[in-house]
């Protein structure tokens, strides 16, 4: 049995990660989970937030909007709507976009509208960007 996983993380803009890793930590819609070599196959939807991977002594975190993850034969494939390394986040921009979404939600109480749901998703995503950037020392 191999002792590594091969991680591929892609978004519509670019392939962000393509390398062997020791461990992957992520948050699916049903909760947080970790992956090591030999993990059984499965597929899940990912919540907006961070995906952390460890390779040797290096630990990196990618912040993502929604996504999907599939594990099979020591290969992890992540398809993300948007993704960037926590160290690359423009914190001021992320805070501004988060606050803009919060203002929209406060001013527009029609929670069943498409616009409200889009603002809510933007708030969650940009909040995660800020949190992960700050944890990444950005």
N, C-alpha and C. Protein backbone atom coordinates (compact mmCIF):
# COMPACT_ATOMS: atom_id res chain seq x y z
N UNK A 1 0.84 -1.19 0.00
CA UNK A 1 0.00 0.00 0.00
C UNK A 1 0.88 1.25 0.00
N UNK A 2 0.54 2.18 -0.84
CA UNK A 2 1.29 3.45 -0.90
C UNK A 2 1.09 4.22 0.39
N UNK A 3 2.07 5.03 0.73
CA UNK A 3 1.95 5.84 1.95
C UNK A 3 1.66 7.30 1.63
N UNK A 4 1.34 7.60 0.39
CA UNK A 4 1.04 8.97 -0.04
C UNK A 4 -0.27 8.99 -0.82
N UNK A 5 -0.86 10.17 -0.87
CA UNK A 5 -2.02 10.44 -1.71
C UNK A 5 -1.57 11.38 -2.81
N UNK A 6 -2.18 11.28 -3.97
CA UNK A 6 -1.93 12.27 -5.00
C UNK A 6 -3.10 13.22 -4.99
N UNK A 7 -2.85 14.51 -4.73
CA UNK A 7 -3.89 15.53 -4.63
C UNK A 7 -3.89 16.41 -5.86
N UNK A 8 -5.05 16.52 -6.48
CA UNK A 8 -5.26 17.47 -7.57
C UNK A 8 -6.41 18.38 -7.17
N UNK A 9 -6.16 19.69 -7.20
CA UNK A 9 -7.19 20.67 -6.89
C UNK A 9 -7.24 21.65 -8.04
N UNK A 10 -8.41 21.72 -8.68
CA UNK A 10 -8.57 22.60 -9.83
C UNK A 10 -9.81 23.47 -9.67
N UNK A 11 -9.72 24.65 -10.26
CA UNK A 11 -10.86 25.56 -10.35
C UNK A 11 -11.00 25.93 -11.82
N UNK A 12 -12.07 26.61 -12.20
CA UNK A 12 -12.18 27.01 -13.60
C UNK A 12 -11.02 27.89 -14.08
N UNK A 13 -10.39 28.63 -13.17
CA UNK A 13 -9.29 29.52 -13.55
C UNK A 13 -7.97 28.79 -13.75
N UNK A 14 -7.71 27.76 -12.91
CA UNK A 14 -6.40 27.12 -12.99
C UNK A 14 -6.32 25.86 -12.16
N UNK A 15 -5.29 25.07 -12.44
CA UNK A 15 -4.95 23.93 -11.58
C UNK A 15 -4.08 24.49 -10.46
N UNK A 16 -4.55 24.37 -9.24
CA UNK A 16 -3.87 25.01 -8.11
C UNK A 16 -2.88 24.06 -7.43
N UNK A 17 -3.25 22.79 -7.31
CA UNK A 17 -2.39 21.81 -6.63
C UNK A 17 -2.36 20.54 -7.46
N UNK A 18 -1.18 19.98 -7.59
CA UNK A 18 -1.01 18.69 -8.25
C UNK A 18 0.27 18.08 -7.69
N UNK A 19 0.15 17.35 -6.58
CA UNK A 19 1.33 16.79 -5.93
C UNK A 19 0.99 15.69 -4.95
N UNK A 20 2.01 14.92 -4.57
CA UNK A 20 1.85 13.88 -3.56
C UNK A 20 1.82 14.53 -2.19
N UNK A 21 0.89 14.06 -1.35
CA UNK A 21 0.75 14.60 0.01
C UNK A 21 0.61 13.45 1.00
N UNK A 22 0.83 13.78 2.26
CA UNK A 22 0.68 12.79 3.33
C UNK A 22 -0.74 12.72 3.87
N UNK A 23 -1.42 13.88 3.86
CA UNK A 23 -2.75 13.96 4.48
C UNK A 23 -3.53 15.13 3.88
N UNK A 24 -4.85 14.97 3.84
CA UNK A 24 -5.75 16.03 3.39
C UNK A 24 -6.83 16.19 4.46
N UNK A 25 -7.10 17.43 4.84
CA UNK A 25 -8.17 17.74 5.80
C UNK A 25 -9.14 18.68 5.11
N UNK A 26 -10.43 18.36 5.20
CA UNK A 26 -11.43 19.17 4.50
C UNK A 26 -12.74 19.15 5.30
N UNK A 27 -13.68 20.00 4.85
CA UNK A 27 -14.99 20.02 5.49
C UNK A 27 -16.06 19.79 4.43
N UNK A 28 -16.68 18.63 4.52
CA UNK A 28 -17.78 18.31 3.62
C UNK A 28 -19.08 18.82 4.20
N UNK A 29 -20.14 18.67 3.45
CA UNK A 29 -21.44 19.12 3.93
C UNK A 29 -21.90 18.31 5.15
N UNK A 30 -21.32 17.13 5.36
CA UNK A 30 -21.68 16.30 6.51
C UNK A 30 -20.66 16.39 7.65
N UNK A 31 -19.67 17.28 7.54
CA UNK A 31 -18.70 17.47 8.61
C UNK A 31 -17.27 17.37 8.13
N UNK A 32 -16.35 17.61 9.07
CA UNK A 32 -14.92 17.58 8.76
C UNK A 32 -14.44 16.15 8.62
N UNK A 33 -13.40 15.97 7.80
CA UNK A 33 -12.82 14.65 7.63
C UNK A 33 -11.36 14.78 7.25
N UNK A 34 -10.63 13.71 7.46
CA UNK A 34 -9.23 13.63 7.07
C UNK A 34 -9.02 12.43 6.17
N UNK A 35 -8.07 12.57 5.28
CA UNK A 35 -7.76 11.49 4.34
C UNK A 35 -6.29 11.13 4.44
N UNK A 36 -6.02 9.84 4.51
CA UNK A 36 -4.66 9.30 4.48
C UNK A 36 -4.61 8.27 3.36
N UNK A 37 -3.42 7.85 3.01
CA UNK A 37 -3.26 6.80 1.99
C UNK A 37 -4.08 5.58 2.41
N UNK A 38 -4.68 4.94 1.44
CA UNK A 38 -5.47 3.74 1.71
C UNK A 38 -6.92 4.03 2.05
N UNK A 39 -7.33 5.30 2.02
CA UNK A 39 -8.71 5.64 2.37
C UNK A 39 -9.67 4.99 1.38
N UNK A 40 -10.83 4.55 1.88
CA UNK A 40 -11.83 3.97 0.97
C UNK A 40 -12.39 5.02 0.03
N UNK A 41 -12.80 4.59 -1.13
CA UNK A 41 -13.34 5.52 -2.12
C UNK A 41 -14.62 6.20 -1.63
N UNK A 42 -14.76 7.46 -1.91
CA UNK A 42 -16.01 8.18 -1.67
C UNK A 42 -15.98 9.52 -2.37
N UNK A 43 -17.15 10.14 -2.41
CA UNK A 43 -17.31 11.42 -3.07
C UNK A 43 -18.19 12.29 -2.17
N UNK A 44 -17.87 13.58 -2.06
CA UNK A 44 -18.67 14.45 -1.21
C UNK A 44 -18.64 15.87 -1.73
N UNK A 45 -19.65 16.62 -1.36
CA UNK A 45 -19.67 18.06 -1.63
C UNK A 45 -18.92 18.75 -0.51
N UNK A 46 -18.13 19.75 -0.85
CA UNK A 46 -17.36 20.51 0.14
C UNK A 46 -18.05 21.83 0.44
N UNK A 47 -18.02 22.20 1.71
CA UNK A 47 -18.53 23.50 2.12
C UNK A 47 -17.51 24.58 1.79
N UNK A 48 -17.94 25.81 1.64
CA UNK A 48 -16.96 26.90 1.48
C UNK A 48 -16.06 26.94 2.72
N UNK A 49 -14.79 27.12 2.50
CA UNK A 49 -13.86 27.16 3.62
C UNK A 49 -12.50 26.64 3.19
N UNK A 50 -11.81 26.03 4.12
CA UNK A 50 -10.44 25.62 3.87
C UNK A 50 -10.27 24.15 3.59
N UNK A 51 -9.28 23.85 2.78
CA UNK A 51 -8.81 22.49 2.56
C UNK A 51 -7.32 22.54 2.87
N UNK A 52 -6.90 21.75 3.83
CA UNK A 52 -5.51 21.75 4.27
C UNK A 52 -4.85 20.45 3.83
N UNK A 53 -3.61 20.56 3.36
CA UNK A 53 -2.88 19.35 3.01
C UNK A 53 -1.48 19.44 3.60
N UNK A 54 -0.97 18.26 3.96
CA UNK A 54 0.36 18.15 4.56
C UNK A 54 1.23 17.31 3.64
N UNK A 55 2.44 17.82 3.41
CA UNK A 55 3.41 17.11 2.59
C UNK A 55 4.76 17.28 3.24
N UNK A 56 5.29 16.19 3.78
CA UNK A 56 6.53 16.31 4.56
C UNK A 56 6.25 17.20 5.75
N UNK A 57 7.06 18.21 5.96
CA UNK A 57 6.84 19.15 7.05
C UNK A 57 6.03 20.37 6.65
N UNK A 58 5.64 20.43 5.38
CA UNK A 58 4.92 21.59 4.85
C UNK A 58 3.42 21.41 5.03
N UNK A 59 2.75 22.44 5.55
CA UNK A 59 1.30 22.44 5.70
C UNK A 59 0.78 23.66 4.96
N UNK A 60 -0.15 23.45 4.03
CA UNK A 60 -0.71 24.54 3.23
C UNK A 60 -2.22 24.48 3.31
N UNK A 61 -2.86 25.64 3.22
CA UNK A 61 -4.31 25.71 3.22
C UNK A 61 -4.78 26.49 2.02
N UNK A 62 -5.77 25.93 1.35
CA UNK A 62 -6.43 26.56 0.22
C UNK A 62 -7.83 26.94 0.68
N UNK A 63 -8.23 28.17 0.39
CA UNK A 63 -9.60 28.59 0.69
C UNK A 63 -10.41 28.43 -0.59
N UNK A 64 -11.60 27.84 -0.43
CA UNK A 64 -12.42 27.54 -1.60
C UNK A 64 -13.85 28.00 -1.39
N UNK A 65 -14.50 28.30 -2.51
CA UNK A 65 -15.95 28.42 -2.49
C UNK A 65 -16.46 26.97 -2.51
N UNK A 66 -17.60 26.74 -3.00
CA UNK A 66 -18.11 25.36 -3.03
C UNK A 66 -17.21 24.47 -3.87
N UNK A 67 -17.35 23.17 -3.65
CA UNK A 67 -16.57 22.24 -4.44
C UNK A 67 -17.01 20.81 -4.22
N UNK A 68 -16.34 19.92 -4.92
CA UNK A 68 -16.59 18.49 -4.80
C UNK A 68 -15.25 17.79 -4.65
N UNK A 69 -15.24 16.70 -3.88
CA UNK A 69 -14.02 15.94 -3.65
C UNK A 69 -14.33 14.47 -3.90
N UNK A 70 -13.40 13.82 -4.60
CA UNK A 70 -13.52 12.39 -4.84
C UNK A 70 -12.21 11.72 -4.44
N UNK A 71 -12.32 10.59 -3.74
CA UNK A 71 -11.15 9.78 -3.35
C UNK A 71 -11.28 8.42 -3.99
N UNK A 72 -10.20 7.97 -4.62
CA UNK A 72 -10.18 6.64 -5.22
C UNK A 72 -8.73 6.26 -5.50
N UNK A 73 -8.33 5.08 -5.08
CA UNK A 73 -6.99 4.55 -5.36
C UNK A 73 -5.88 5.53 -4.99
N UNK A 74 -5.91 6.07 -3.78
CA UNK A 74 -4.89 7.00 -3.28
C UNK A 74 -4.79 8.27 -4.12
N UNK A 75 -5.87 8.64 -4.75
CA UNK A 75 -5.93 9.85 -5.56
C UNK A 75 -7.11 10.68 -5.06
N UNK A 76 -6.85 11.95 -4.77
CA UNK A 76 -7.89 12.87 -4.30
C UNK A 76 -8.03 13.96 -5.36
N UNK A 77 -9.22 14.08 -5.90
CA UNK A 77 -9.49 15.10 -6.90
C UNK A 77 -10.51 16.07 -6.31
N UNK A 78 -10.16 17.36 -6.33
CA UNK A 78 -11.04 18.40 -5.82
C UNK A 78 -11.35 19.36 -6.96
N UNK A 79 -12.64 19.55 -7.21
CA UNK A 79 -13.11 20.52 -8.18
C UNK A 79 -13.74 21.66 -7.40
N UNK A 80 -13.16 22.83 -7.48
CA UNK A 80 -13.61 23.98 -6.68
C UNK A 80 -14.16 25.07 -7.59
N UNK A 81 -15.23 25.69 -7.15
CA UNK A 81 -15.82 26.81 -7.90
C UNK A 81 -14.82 27.97 -7.97
N UNK A 82 -14.17 28.26 -6.84
CA UNK A 82 -13.10 29.27 -6.73
C UNK A 82 -12.12 28.73 -5.72
N UNK A 83 -10.84 29.04 -5.90
CA UNK A 83 -9.85 28.56 -4.94
C UNK A 83 -8.59 29.42 -5.01
N UNK A 84 -7.99 29.63 -3.84
CA UNK A 84 -6.71 30.34 -3.76
C UNK A 84 -6.03 29.94 -2.45
N UNK A 85 -4.71 30.01 -2.44
CA UNK A 85 -3.98 29.74 -1.20
C UNK A 85 -4.28 30.84 -0.20
N UNK A 86 -4.37 30.47 1.07
CA UNK A 86 -4.62 31.44 2.12
C UNK A 86 -3.60 32.56 2.13
N UNK A 87 -2.38 32.26 1.76
CA UNK A 87 -1.31 33.27 1.74
C UNK A 87 -1.48 34.26 0.59
N UNK A 88 -2.33 33.94 -0.40
CA UNK A 88 -2.53 34.81 -1.56
C UNK A 88 -3.78 35.69 -1.45
N UNK A 89 -4.55 35.52 -0.40
CA UNK A 89 -5.79 36.27 -0.26
C UNK A 89 -5.50 37.75 -0.02
N UNK A 90 -6.19 38.61 -0.73
CA UNK A 90 -6.16 40.05 -0.47
C UNK A 90 -7.15 40.29 0.67
N UNK A 91 -6.64 40.43 1.88
CA UNK A 91 -7.49 40.48 3.07
C UNK A 91 -8.42 41.70 3.05
N UNK A 92 -7.91 42.84 2.65
CA UNK A 92 -8.77 44.04 2.63
C UNK A 92 -9.92 43.87 1.64
N UNK A 93 -9.63 43.32 0.47
CA UNK A 93 -10.69 43.06 -0.51
C UNK A 93 -11.71 42.07 0.04
N UNK A 94 -11.23 40.99 0.66
CA UNK A 94 -12.12 39.98 1.21
C UNK A 94 -13.01 40.56 2.32
N UNK A 95 -12.44 41.41 3.17
CA UNK A 95 -13.23 42.05 4.23
C UNK A 95 -14.30 42.96 3.62
N UNK A 96 -13.92 43.71 2.60
CA UNK A 96 -14.86 44.61 1.95
C UNK A 96 -16.02 43.84 1.31
N UNK A 97 -15.71 42.75 0.61
CA UNK A 97 -16.75 41.94 -0.03
C UNK A 97 -17.63 41.24 1.01
N UNK A 98 -17.03 40.79 2.11
CA UNK A 98 -17.80 40.19 3.20
C UNK A 98 -18.77 41.20 3.79
N UNK A 99 -18.27 42.41 4.05
CA UNK A 99 -19.10 43.46 4.66
C UNK A 99 -20.21 43.91 3.71
N UNK A 100 -19.91 43.96 2.42
CA UNK A 100 -20.92 44.32 1.42
C UNK A 100 -22.05 43.28 1.40
N UNK A 101 -21.70 42.01 1.46
CA UNK A 101 -22.70 40.95 1.50
C UNK A 101 -23.53 41.04 2.77
N UNK A 102 -22.87 41.32 3.90
CA UNK A 102 -23.60 41.45 5.18
C UNK A 102 -24.59 42.61 5.13
N UNK A 103 -24.17 43.73 4.55
CA UNK A 103 -25.08 44.89 4.42
C UNK A 103 -26.29 44.54 3.56
N UNK A 104 -26.04 43.85 2.46
CA UNK A 104 -27.14 43.47 1.59
C UNK A 104 -28.14 42.59 2.35
N UNK A 105 -27.64 41.61 3.09
CA UNK A 105 -28.53 40.71 3.84
C UNK A 105 -29.31 41.47 4.90
N UNK A 106 -28.66 42.44 5.54
CA UNK A 106 -29.33 43.23 6.58
C UNK A 106 -30.44 44.10 5.98
N UNK A 107 -30.19 44.64 4.80
CA UNK A 107 -31.14 45.56 4.18
C UNK A 107 -32.24 44.83 3.40
N UNK A 108 -32.02 43.58 3.04
CA UNK A 108 -32.97 42.82 2.22
C UNK A 108 -33.37 41.55 2.95
N UNK A 109 -34.51 41.59 3.56
CA UNK A 109 -34.94 40.48 4.42
C UNK A 109 -35.65 39.35 3.67
N UNK A 110 -35.73 39.41 2.34
CA UNK A 110 -36.39 38.35 1.56
C UNK A 110 -35.44 37.17 1.43
N UNK A 111 -35.38 36.34 2.46
CA UNK A 111 -34.38 35.28 2.53
C UNK A 111 -34.61 34.16 1.52
N UNK A 112 -35.76 34.15 0.86
CA UNK A 112 -35.99 33.11 -0.14
C UNK A 112 -35.67 33.58 -1.56
N UNK A 113 -35.13 34.79 -1.69
CA UNK A 113 -34.79 35.31 -3.01
C UNK A 113 -33.41 34.80 -3.46
N UNK A 114 -33.22 34.73 -4.77
CA UNK A 114 -31.93 34.32 -5.32
C UNK A 114 -30.83 35.30 -4.91
N UNK A 115 -31.15 36.58 -4.88
CA UNK A 115 -30.17 37.60 -4.52
C UNK A 115 -29.70 37.44 -3.07
N UNK A 116 -30.66 37.15 -2.19
CA UNK A 116 -30.30 36.96 -0.78
C UNK A 116 -29.39 35.73 -0.62
N UNK A 117 -29.76 34.63 -1.28
CA UNK A 117 -28.94 33.41 -1.20
C UNK A 117 -27.55 33.65 -1.77
N UNK A 118 -27.44 34.43 -2.83
CA UNK A 118 -26.13 34.74 -3.41
C UNK A 118 -25.30 35.58 -2.43
N UNK A 119 -25.95 36.55 -1.76
CA UNK A 119 -25.25 37.37 -0.78
C UNK A 119 -24.81 36.53 0.41
N UNK A 120 -25.65 35.60 0.82
CA UNK A 120 -25.32 34.72 1.94
C UNK A 120 -24.12 33.84 1.60
N UNK A 121 -24.10 33.28 0.39
CA UNK A 121 -22.97 32.47 -0.05
C UNK A 121 -21.70 33.31 -0.13
N UNK A 122 -21.82 34.54 -0.63
CA UNK A 122 -20.67 35.44 -0.70
C UNK A 122 -20.14 35.75 0.70
N UNK A 123 -21.05 35.98 1.65
CA UNK A 123 -20.65 36.27 3.02
C UNK A 123 -19.85 35.10 3.61
N UNK A 124 -20.35 33.89 3.44
CA UNK A 124 -19.66 32.70 3.98
C UNK A 124 -18.29 32.54 3.34
N UNK A 125 -18.23 32.67 2.02
CA UNK A 125 -16.96 32.50 1.30
C UNK A 125 -15.93 33.56 1.69
N UNK A 126 -16.32 34.82 1.70
CA UNK A 126 -15.36 35.88 2.01
C UNK A 126 -14.98 35.88 3.49
N UNK A 127 -15.88 35.45 4.36
CA UNK A 127 -15.52 35.28 5.77
C UNK A 127 -14.44 34.21 5.91
N UNK A 128 -14.60 33.12 5.17
CA UNK A 128 -13.59 32.05 5.19
C UNK A 128 -12.26 32.55 4.64
N UNK A 129 -12.31 33.36 3.57
CA UNK A 129 -11.08 33.93 3.01
C UNK A 129 -10.33 34.74 4.06
N UNK A 130 -11.07 35.59 4.80
CA UNK A 130 -10.44 36.43 5.82
C UNK A 130 -9.84 35.55 6.92
N UNK A 131 -10.62 34.60 7.41
CA UNK A 131 -10.16 33.75 8.51
C UNK A 131 -8.92 32.94 8.12
N UNK A 132 -8.96 32.33 6.96
CA UNK A 132 -7.83 31.49 6.54
C UNK A 132 -6.61 32.33 6.21
N UNK A 133 -6.81 33.50 5.61
CA UNK A 133 -5.68 34.40 5.32
C UNK A 133 -5.00 34.82 6.61
N UNK A 134 -5.80 35.17 7.61
CA UNK A 134 -5.21 35.61 8.89
C UNK A 134 -4.48 34.47 9.60
N UNK A 135 -5.02 33.26 9.51
CA UNK A 135 -4.34 32.09 10.10
C UNK A 135 -3.06 31.76 9.34
N UNK A 136 -3.04 32.10 8.05
CA UNK A 136 -1.87 31.82 7.21
C UNK A 136 -0.78 32.89 7.36
N UNK A 137 -1.04 33.87 8.24
CA UNK A 137 -0.05 34.92 8.46
C UNK A 137 -0.11 36.01 7.44
N UNK A 138 -1.19 36.08 6.72
CA UNK A 138 -1.35 37.08 5.66
C UNK A 138 -1.90 38.38 6.23
